[in-house]
Protein backbone atom coordinates (compact mmCIF):
# COMPACT_ATOMS: atom_id res chain seq x y z
CA UNK A 1 89.04 73.01 59.48
CA UNK A 2 86.84 75.27 57.59
CA UNK A 3 88.93 77.72 55.43
CA UNK A 4 88.24 81.28 55.76
CA UNK A 5 86.93 83.00 52.61
CA UNK A 6 88.20 86.39 51.98
CA UNK A 7 85.36 88.87 50.81
CA UNK A 8 86.81 91.07 48.17
CA UNK A 9 86.48 94.90 48.79
CA UNK A 10 86.25 97.53 46.79
CA UNK A 11 88.96 100.29 46.80
CA UNK A 12 86.65 102.78 48.07
CA UNK A 13 85.62 100.57 50.81
CA UNK A 14 89.31 100.03 51.71
CA UNK A 15 89.80 103.86 51.64
CA UNK A 16 86.81 104.41 54.00
CA UNK A 17 88.23 101.78 56.56
CA UNK A 18 91.63 103.25 56.51
CA UNK A 19 90.31 106.91 56.94
CA UNK A 20 87.77 105.61 59.78
CA UNK A 21 90.71 103.82 61.50
CA UNK A 22 93.17 106.94 60.98
CA UNK A 23 90.56 108.96 62.65
CA UNK A 24 89.99 106.57 65.43
CA UNK A 25 93.86 106.61 66.28
CA UNK A 26 93.73 110.53 65.98
CA UNK A 27 91.16 110.80 68.72
CA UNK A 28 92.74 108.86 71.07
CA UNK A 29 96.14 109.39 72.94
CA UNK A 30 98.61 107.20 75.04
CA UNK A 31 99.67 108.22 78.26
CA UNK A 32 102.04 106.88 80.91
CA UNK A 33 100.71 107.29 84.32
CA UNK A 34 103.10 107.44 87.44
CA UNK A 35 101.58 106.25 90.64
CA UNK A 36 102.20 107.13 94.11
CA UNK A 37 105.02 104.60 94.70
CA UNK A 38 106.45 105.82 91.46
CA UNK A 39 105.75 102.85 89.38
CA UNK A 40 103.95 103.52 86.01
CA UNK A 41 101.24 102.15 83.89
CA UNK A 42 99.97 103.01 80.40
CA UNK A 43 96.63 103.85 79.19
CA UNK A 44 95.07 105.03 76.05
CA UNK A 45 92.11 107.38 76.30
CA UNK A 46 90.16 109.80 74.21
CA UNK A 47 91.81 113.31 73.55
CA UNK A 48 88.55 115.13 74.71
CA UNK A 49 88.27 113.43 78.03
CA UNK A 50 88.06 115.53 81.11
CA UNK A 51 90.42 115.38 84.14
CA UNK A 52 87.71 113.63 86.32
CA UNK A 53 86.97 110.95 83.40
CA UNK A 54 90.67 110.42 82.94
CA UNK A 55 90.97 109.84 86.89
CA UNK A 56 88.21 107.53 86.99
CA UNK A 57 89.55 105.52 83.92
CA UNK A 58 93.18 105.35 85.56
CA UNK A 59 91.64 104.00 88.64
CA UNK A 60 89.08 101.44 86.53
CA UNK A 61 92.32 100.20 84.62
CA UNK A 62 94.38 99.88 87.69
CA UNK A 63 91.81 97.85 89.50
CA UNK A 64 91.09 95.68 86.32
CA UNK A 65 94.67 94.97 85.78
CA UNK A 66 95.03 93.98 89.52
CA UNK A 67 98.35 96.45 89.76
CA UNK A 68 100.18 97.32 92.92
CA UNK A 69 100.15 99.33 94.91
CA UNK A 70 96.34 99.12 95.90
CA UNK A 71 94.84 102.62 95.18
CA UNK A 72 91.52 103.92 96.81
CA UNK A 73 89.19 102.88 93.68
CA UNK A 74 86.26 104.18 95.42
CA UNK A 75 87.75 107.73 96.70
CA UNK A 76 88.90 109.30 93.41
CA UNK A 77 88.92 112.80 95.39
CA UNK A 78 92.02 111.38 97.34
CA UNK A 79 94.09 111.90 93.82
CA UNK A 80 95.05 114.69 91.82
CA UNK A 81 96.69 114.71 88.15
CA UNK A 82 99.48 116.65 86.83
CA UNK A 83 100.98 117.07 83.46
CA UNK A 84 104.49 116.35 83.59
CA UNK A 85 106.57 118.90 81.24
CA UNK A 86 103.48 118.98 78.67
CA UNK A 87 104.65 115.48 77.26
CA UNK A 88 101.37 113.79 77.91
CA UNK A 89 102.74 112.06 81.13
CA UNK A 90 100.29 112.07 83.64
CA UNK A 91 101.35 111.83 87.35
CA UNK A 92 98.68 110.45 89.71
CA UNK A 93 99.64 111.38 93.50
CA UNK A 94 97.69 111.05 96.96
CA UNK A 95 96.37 114.50 98.06
CA UNK A 96 97.36 115.15 101.57
CA UNK A 97 95.35 117.96 103.02
CA UNK A 98 96.91 119.48 106.18
CA UNK A 99 94.89 121.20 108.64
CA UNK A 100 94.96 124.96 108.65
CA UNK A 101 96.63 126.97 111.62
CA UNK A 102 98.85 124.32 112.60
CA UNK A 103 102.58 124.62 112.99
CA UNK A 104 104.87 121.79 111.58
CA UNK A 105 108.46 121.36 112.01
CA UNK A 106 110.69 120.99 109.09
């Protein structure tokens, strides 16, 4: 087994590395996503992401992690995103579009 050699770094280099890591962490936010069946998943995304990009990333991560329930990965327009109580908790739910001028019984 070959021993790993630690390359010495200057204080300035260490400071720049720490600052770079701090900025990277500050640019991201971790979210809890509630799926249509009320199960949840976690995802970390950039703070500057749009809702459409967020929805696409949620669907991509869900598919890659092979989570249940299966979602319509090729139809992101079937879902909507809602912020729950402003706590960075995102809810993804199926959008049901009802026909207009139709009477429904309660």
